[in-house]
Amino acid sequence: MDDQTVRAALQRHWDASDASDFEVEHQIYHEDAVLEYPQSGERIRGRRNIEESRTVQPNKKRFTIRRMIGSGDLWVTEFVLTYDGIPSYTVSIMEFRDGLVAHETQYFADRFEPGPSRAHLVERIDRA
């Protein structure tokens, strides 16, 4: 699968995630895919279990993609995942096998205010 095709598949995945279209969202995963959330210590095995874990999530969620980078079988998506109006800065690392995601790891980070000691060195960016 070439990079342009993978990028299109990722865009379809994230668009479906944002629309809560669970069927399309999970077409990108291998049947035996593994999803890991290191911060909570969770590992979910299998596309059906990954999908179910997301369909039972009670929060209203939105996805705002900041960038997708990668090549070949390794792709990283940086996005803002908003649960019930509260943003979390998120990185998804996806490893592909035979054109589908075999392994994904997601990392989450909350907003924080910059330290005053470096205020004179920085420019503020949009935290969308």
N, C-alpha and C. Protein backbone atom coordinates (compact mmCIF):
# COMPACT_ATOMS: atom_id res chain seq x y z
N MET A 1 0.85 -1.17 0.00
CA MET A 1 0.00 0.00 0.00
C MET A 1 0.90 1.24 0.00
N ASP A 2 0.67 2.15 -0.94
CA ASP A 2 1.52 3.34 -1.00
C ASP A 2 1.08 4.39 0.03
N ASP A 3 1.96 5.35 0.27
CA ASP A 3 1.72 6.34 1.32
C ASP A 3 0.45 7.16 1.09
N GLN A 4 0.15 7.48 -0.15
CA GLN A 4 -1.06 8.26 -0.44
C GLN A 4 -2.32 7.47 -0.07
N THR A 5 -2.30 6.17 -0.33
CA THR A 5 -3.44 5.31 0.01
C THR A 5 -3.59 5.20 1.53
N VAL A 6 -2.46 5.06 2.24
CA VAL A 6 -2.51 4.99 3.71
C VAL A 6 -3.04 6.30 4.27
N ARG A 7 -2.55 7.41 3.76
CA ARG A 7 -3.02 8.72 4.23
C ARG A 7 -4.53 8.87 4.03
N ALA A 8 -5.03 8.43 2.90
CA ALA A 8 -6.48 8.49 2.63
C ALA A 8 -7.25 7.59 3.59
N ALA A 9 -6.71 6.41 3.88
CA ALA A 9 -7.36 5.50 4.84
C ALA A 9 -7.38 6.11 6.24
N LEU A 10 -6.28 6.75 6.62
CA LEU A 10 -6.23 7.43 7.92
C LEU A 10 -7.24 8.57 7.98
N GLN A 11 -7.32 9.35 6.93
CA GLN A 11 -8.29 10.46 6.92
C GLN A 11 -9.71 9.93 7.06
N ARG A 12 -10.03 8.84 6.34
CA ARG A 12 -11.35 8.21 6.45
C ARG A 12 -11.59 7.75 7.88
N HIS A 13 -10.57 7.14 8.49
CA HIS A 13 -10.67 6.66 9.87
C HIS A 13 -10.97 7.81 10.85
N TRP A 14 -10.20 8.89 10.75
CA TRP A 14 -10.38 10.01 11.70
C TRP A 14 -11.68 10.75 11.43
N ASP A 15 -12.07 10.88 10.18
CA ASP A 15 -13.37 11.50 9.87
C ASP A 15 -14.51 10.67 10.45
N ALA A 16 -14.42 9.35 10.32
CA ALA A 16 -15.44 8.46 10.88
C ALA A 16 -15.43 8.51 12.41
N SER A 17 -14.24 8.62 12.99
CA SER A 17 -14.14 8.75 14.45
C SER A 17 -14.87 9.99 14.92
N ASP A 18 -14.65 11.10 14.22
CA ASP A 18 -15.28 12.36 14.59
C ASP A 18 -16.80 12.29 14.43
N ALA A 19 -17.27 11.52 13.46
CA ALA A 19 -18.71 11.40 13.19
C ALA A 19 -19.36 10.28 14.00
N SER A 20 -18.58 9.59 14.84
CA SER A 20 -19.07 8.43 15.60
C SER A 20 -19.64 7.35 14.68
N ASP A 21 -19.03 7.20 13.51
CA ASP A 21 -19.39 6.13 12.57
C ASP A 21 -18.48 4.95 12.89
N PHE A 22 -18.89 4.16 13.87
CA PHE A 22 -18.02 3.12 14.42
C PHE A 22 -17.66 2.05 13.39
N GLU A 23 -18.57 1.72 12.50
CA GLU A 23 -18.28 0.70 11.50
C GLU A 23 -17.13 1.14 10.58
N VAL A 24 -17.22 2.34 10.02
CA VAL A 24 -16.16 2.84 9.14
C VAL A 24 -14.89 3.11 9.93
N GLU A 25 -15.03 3.64 11.13
CA GLU A 25 -13.86 3.94 11.96
C GLU A 25 -12.96 2.72 12.16
N HIS A 26 -13.55 1.55 12.27
CA HIS A 26 -12.77 0.36 12.61
C HIS A 26 -12.40 -0.52 11.42
N GLN A 27 -12.75 -0.09 10.22
CA GLN A 27 -12.35 -0.83 9.02
C GLN A 27 -10.84 -0.81 8.82
N ILE A 28 -10.16 0.13 9.42
CA ILE A 28 -8.70 0.28 9.25
C ILE A 28 -7.90 -0.77 10.02
N TYR A 29 -8.55 -1.49 10.96
CA TYR A 29 -7.84 -2.42 11.83
C TYR A 29 -7.85 -3.85 11.33
N HIS A 30 -6.73 -4.55 11.53
CA HIS A 30 -6.67 -6.00 11.33
C HIS A 30 -7.59 -6.65 12.34
N GLU A 31 -8.07 -7.84 12.02
CA GLU A 31 -8.89 -8.60 12.97
C GLU A 31 -8.16 -8.82 14.29
N ASP A 32 -6.83 -9.00 14.22
CA ASP A 32 -6.05 -9.29 15.43
C ASP A 32 -5.28 -8.06 15.94
N ALA A 33 -5.75 -6.88 15.58
CA ALA A 33 -5.07 -5.64 15.99
C ALA A 33 -4.99 -5.53 17.51
N VAL A 34 -3.98 -4.78 17.94
CA VAL A 34 -3.80 -4.51 19.37
C VAL A 34 -3.78 -3.00 19.55
N LEU A 35 -4.53 -2.52 20.53
CA LEU A 35 -4.58 -1.10 20.88
C LEU A 35 -4.10 -0.96 22.32
N GLU A 36 -3.14 -0.04 22.53
CA GLU A 36 -2.61 0.18 23.87
C GLU A 36 -2.78 1.63 24.30
N TYR A 37 -3.14 1.79 25.57
CA TYR A 37 -3.22 3.08 26.24
C TYR A 37 -2.23 3.03 27.42
N PRO A 38 -0.97 3.39 27.21
CA PRO A 38 0.03 3.27 28.28
C PRO A 38 -0.32 4.02 29.56
N GLN A 39 -0.97 5.18 29.43
CA GLN A 39 -1.24 5.98 30.63
C GLN A 39 -2.24 5.32 31.56
N SER A 40 -3.15 4.52 31.02
CA SER A 40 -4.11 3.82 31.88
C SER A 40 -3.74 2.35 32.07
N GLY A 41 -2.68 1.92 31.37
CA GLY A 41 -2.24 0.53 31.51
C GLY A 41 -3.15 -0.48 30.83
N GLU A 42 -3.85 -0.06 29.77
CA GLU A 42 -4.79 -0.94 29.09
C GLU A 42 -4.24 -1.44 27.76
N ARG A 43 -4.58 -2.67 27.45
CA ARG A 43 -4.30 -3.26 26.13
C ARG A 43 -5.59 -3.95 25.70
N ILE A 44 -6.03 -3.66 24.48
CA ILE A 44 -7.24 -4.26 23.94
C ILE A 44 -6.84 -5.04 22.70
N ARG A 45 -7.22 -6.31 22.67
CA ARG A 45 -6.86 -7.18 21.55
C ARG A 45 -8.08 -7.48 20.67
N GLY A 46 -7.90 -7.31 19.38
CA GLY A 46 -8.93 -7.67 18.41
C GLY A 46 -9.78 -6.48 17.98
N ARG A 47 -10.03 -6.42 16.67
CA ARG A 47 -10.81 -5.30 16.12
C ARG A 47 -12.19 -5.19 16.77
N ARG A 48 -12.86 -6.31 16.99
CA ARG A 48 -14.20 -6.24 17.59
C ARG A 48 -14.16 -5.67 19.00
N ASN A 49 -13.15 -6.05 19.78
CA ASN A 49 -13.04 -5.52 21.14
C ASN A 49 -12.67 -4.04 21.14
N ILE A 50 -11.82 -3.63 20.20
CA ILE A 50 -11.48 -2.21 20.08
C ILE A 50 -12.73 -1.41 19.76
N GLU A 51 -13.51 -1.90 18.79
CA GLU A 51 -14.74 -1.20 18.42
C GLU A 51 -15.72 -1.15 19.59
N GLU A 52 -15.91 -2.27 20.26
CA GLU A 52 -16.85 -2.29 21.39
C GLU A 52 -16.41 -1.32 22.49
N SER A 53 -15.10 -1.25 22.74
CA SER A 53 -14.62 -0.36 23.79
C SER A 53 -14.97 1.10 23.48
N ARG A 54 -15.05 1.41 22.20
CA ARG A 54 -15.38 2.78 21.81
C ARG A 54 -16.89 3.02 21.72
N THR A 55 -17.65 2.00 21.37
CA THR A 55 -19.10 2.19 21.28
C THR A 55 -19.73 2.33 22.67
N VAL A 56 -19.12 1.74 23.69
CA VAL A 56 -19.68 1.85 25.04
C VAL A 56 -19.21 3.11 25.77
N GLN A 57 -18.29 3.86 25.16
CA GLN A 57 -17.79 5.11 25.75
C GLN A 57 -18.95 6.12 25.79
N PRO A 58 -19.36 6.55 26.97
CA PRO A 58 -20.55 7.41 27.07
C PRO A 58 -20.32 8.88 26.70
N ASN A 59 -19.06 9.32 26.64
CA ASN A 59 -18.79 10.73 26.40
C ASN A 59 -19.05 11.12 24.95
N LYS A 60 -19.43 12.39 24.76
CA LYS A 60 -19.51 12.96 23.43
C LYS A 60 -18.10 13.36 23.04
N LYS A 61 -17.63 12.85 21.91
CA LYS A 61 -16.24 13.12 21.55
C LYS A 61 -16.14 13.74 20.17
N ARG A 62 -15.09 14.55 20.00
CA ARG A 62 -14.77 15.19 18.72
C ARG A 62 -13.29 15.06 18.48
N PHE A 63 -12.92 14.96 17.21
CA PHE A 63 -11.52 14.82 16.81
C PHE A 63 -11.13 15.97 15.90
N THR A 64 -10.05 16.65 16.22
CA THR A 64 -9.49 17.70 15.38
C THR A 64 -8.06 17.30 15.05
N ILE A 65 -7.83 16.95 13.79
CA ILE A 65 -6.51 16.49 13.37
C ILE A 65 -5.59 17.68 13.20
N ARG A 66 -4.44 17.60 13.82
CA ARG A 66 -3.42 18.66 13.67
C ARG A 66 -2.44 18.29 12.57
N ARG A 67 -2.02 17.02 12.52
CA ARG A 67 -1.17 16.56 11.42
C ARG A 67 -1.06 15.04 11.43
N MET A 68 -0.80 14.51 10.25
CA MET A 68 -0.54 13.08 10.07
C MET A 68 0.80 12.99 9.34
N ILE A 69 1.70 12.23 9.91
CA ILE A 69 3.00 12.04 9.27
C ILE A 69 3.36 10.55 9.31
N GLY A 70 4.09 10.13 8.31
CA GLY A 70 4.50 8.75 8.29
C GLY A 70 4.91 8.32 6.91
N SER A 71 5.27 7.07 6.83
CA SER A 71 5.69 6.47 5.58
C SER A 71 5.69 4.96 5.78
N GLY A 72 5.37 4.25 4.73
CA GLY A 72 5.39 2.80 4.82
C GLY A 72 4.43 2.29 5.86
N ASP A 73 4.95 1.51 6.81
CA ASP A 73 4.10 0.86 7.81
C ASP A 73 4.01 1.59 9.14
N LEU A 74 4.57 2.80 9.25
CA LEU A 74 4.54 3.53 10.51
C LEU A 74 3.99 4.94 10.31
N TRP A 75 2.88 5.25 10.99
CA TRP A 75 2.21 6.55 10.84
C TRP A 75 1.87 7.11 12.21
N VAL A 76 2.00 8.43 12.33
CA VAL A 76 1.69 9.13 13.57
C VAL A 76 0.67 10.21 13.26
N THR A 77 -0.38 10.25 14.06
CA THR A 77 -1.39 11.30 13.95
C THR A 77 -1.40 12.08 15.26
N GLU A 78 -1.30 13.38 15.13
CA GLU A 78 -1.38 14.28 16.27
C GLU A 78 -2.73 14.96 16.18
N PHE A 79 -3.53 14.86 17.25
CA PHE A 79 -4.88 15.43 17.19
C PHE A 79 -5.34 15.88 18.57
N VAL A 80 -6.40 16.66 18.55
CA VAL A 80 -7.05 17.06 19.80
C VAL A 80 -8.33 16.23 19.90
N LEU A 81 -8.43 15.45 20.95
CA LEU A 81 -9.61 14.65 21.23
C LEU A 81 -10.37 15.37 22.33
N THR A 82 -11.56 15.80 22.01
CA THR A 82 -12.37 16.55 22.97
C THR A 82 -13.49 15.65 23.48
N TYR A 83 -13.47 15.38 24.79
CA TYR A 83 -14.52 14.62 25.45
C TYR A 83 -15.39 15.59 26.23
N ASP A 84 -16.67 15.63 25.87
CA ASP A 84 -17.63 16.50 26.57
C ASP A 84 -17.09 17.92 26.71
N GLY A 85 -16.45 18.44 25.65
CA GLY A 85 -15.97 19.81 25.63
C GLY A 85 -14.61 20.03 26.26
N ILE A 86 -13.98 18.99 26.78
CA ILE A 86 -12.67 19.13 27.42
C ILE A 86 -11.61 18.53 26.50
N PRO A 87 -10.67 19.37 26.01
CA PRO A 87 -9.67 18.88 25.04
C PRO A 87 -8.54 18.10 25.70
N SER A 88 -8.08 17.10 24.98
CA SER A 88 -6.90 16.35 25.37
C SER A 88 -6.02 16.23 24.13
N TYR A 89 -4.77 16.61 24.27
CA TYR A 89 -3.83 16.55 23.15
C TYR A 89 -3.36 15.10 23.04
N THR A 90 -3.51 14.54 21.85
CA THR A 90 -3.36 13.10 21.68
C THR A 90 -2.42 12.77 20.53
N VAL A 91 -1.66 11.72 20.70
CA VAL A 91 -0.80 11.19 19.64
C VAL A 91 -1.16 9.72 19.46
N SER A 92 -1.42 9.35 18.22
CA SER A 92 -1.69 7.97 17.85
C SER A 92 -0.55 7.47 16.98
N ILE A 93 0.06 6.37 17.40
CA ILE A 93 1.12 5.74 16.61
C ILE A 93 0.54 4.44 16.07
N MET A 94 0.45 4.36 14.74
CA MET A 94 -0.13 3.18 14.10
C MET A 94 0.92 2.45 13.29
N GLU A 95 0.97 1.14 13.51
CA GLU A 95 1.85 0.27 12.75
C GLU A 95 0.97 -0.60 11.84
N PHE A 96 1.24 -0.52 10.55
CA PHE A 96 0.44 -1.24 9.56
C PHE A 96 1.09 -2.57 9.18
N ARG A 97 0.22 -3.53 8.85
CA ARG A 97 0.65 -4.81 8.28
C ARG A 97 -0.37 -5.17 7.20
N ASP A 98 0.13 -5.39 6.01
CA ASP A 98 -0.74 -5.74 4.88
C ASP A 98 -1.84 -4.70 4.66
N GLY A 99 -1.51 -3.42 4.86
CA GLY A 99 -2.46 -2.35 4.58
C GLY A 99 -3.46 -2.04 5.67
N LEU A 100 -3.39 -2.73 6.80
CA LEU A 100 -4.30 -2.48 7.92
C LEU A 100 -3.49 -2.28 9.20
N VAL A 101 -4.09 -1.62 10.18
CA VAL A 101 -3.41 -1.36 11.45
C VAL A 101 -3.32 -2.65 12.25
N ALA A 102 -2.09 -3.03 12.58
CA ALA A 102 -1.84 -4.20 13.41
C ALA A 102 -1.63 -3.82 14.87
N HIS A 103 -1.11 -2.60 15.09
CA HIS A 103 -0.82 -2.14 16.45
C HIS A 103 -0.97 -0.63 16.51
N GLU A 104 -1.66 -0.16 17.53
CA GLU A 104 -1.81 1.28 17.75
C GLU A 104 -1.54 1.57 19.21
N THR A 105 -0.82 2.66 19.45
CA THR A 105 -0.61 3.16 20.80
C THR A 105 -1.09 4.60 20.81
N GLN A 106 -1.89 4.95 21.82
CA GLN A 106 -2.37 6.33 21.95
C GLN A 106 -1.89 6.92 23.27
N TYR A 107 -1.36 8.15 23.18
CA TYR A 107 -0.90 8.91 24.34
C TYR A 107 -1.76 10.16 24.47
N PHE A 108 -2.13 10.52 25.69
CA PHE A 108 -2.99 11.67 25.96
C PHE A 108 -2.31 12.65 26.90
N ALA A 109 -2.53 13.94 26.66
CA ALA A 109 -1.97 14.97 27.54
C ALA A 109 -2.99 16.10 27.69
N ASP A 110 -3.14 16.57 28.91
CA ASP A 110 -4.04 17.69 29.19
C ASP A 110 -3.32 19.01 28.96
N ARG A 111 -4.11 20.05 28.78
CA ARG A 111 -3.54 21.40 28.67
C ARG A 111 -2.89 21.80 29.99
N PHE A 112 -1.92 22.71 29.89
CA PHE A 112 -1.36 23.32 31.10
C PHE A 112 -0.86 24.70 30.72
N GLU A 113 -0.78 25.55 31.69
CA GLU A 113 -0.32 26.92 31.47
C GLU A 113 1.21 26.95 31.42
N PRO A 114 1.75 27.79 30.57
CA PRO A 114 3.21 27.86 30.45
C PRO A 114 3.83 28.44 31.73
N GLY A 115 5.06 28.02 31.97
CA GLY A 115 5.79 28.53 33.12
C GLY A 115 6.22 29.97 32.92
N PRO A 116 6.06 30.81 33.93
CA PRO A 116 6.43 32.23 33.80
C PRO A 116 7.92 32.43 33.56
N SER A 117 8.74 31.48 33.96
CA SER A 117 10.19 31.64 33.80
C SER A 117 10.64 31.65 32.34
N ARG A 118 9.80 31.14 31.44
CA ARG A 118 10.19 31.13 30.03
C ARG A 118 9.32 32.03 29.17
N ALA A 119 8.47 32.81 29.79
CA ALA A 119 7.53 33.66 29.05
C ALA A 119 8.23 34.56 28.04
N HIS A 120 9.40 35.03 28.34
CA HIS A 120 10.13 35.94 27.44
C HIS A 120 10.76 35.21 26.25
N LEU A 121 10.70 33.88 26.24
CA LEU A 121 11.33 33.08 25.19
C LEU A 121 10.34 32.47 24.20
N VAL A 122 9.07 32.56 24.50
CA VAL A 122 8.09 31.81 23.72
C VAL A 122 7.10 32.71 23.00
N GLU A 123 6.49 32.15 21.98
CA GLU A 123 5.33 32.79 21.37
C GLU A 123 4.17 31.82 21.58
N ARG A 124 3.01 32.32 21.82
CA ARG A 124 1.83 31.48 22.08
C ARG A 124 1.31 30.91 20.76
N ILE A 125 0.88 29.68 20.80
CA ILE A 125 0.30 29.04 19.63
C ILE A 125 -1.17 28.73 19.90
N ASP A 126 -1.90 28.52 18.82
CA ASP A 126 -3.30 28.14 18.93
C ASP A 126 -3.39 26.75 19.54
N ARG A 127 -4.18 26.59 20.57
CA ARG A 127 -4.30 25.30 21.25
C ARG A 127 -5.53 24.55 20.79
N ALA A 128 -6.00 24.80 19.61
CA ALA A 128 -7.23 24.19 19.11
C ALA A 128 -7.30 22.72 19.29
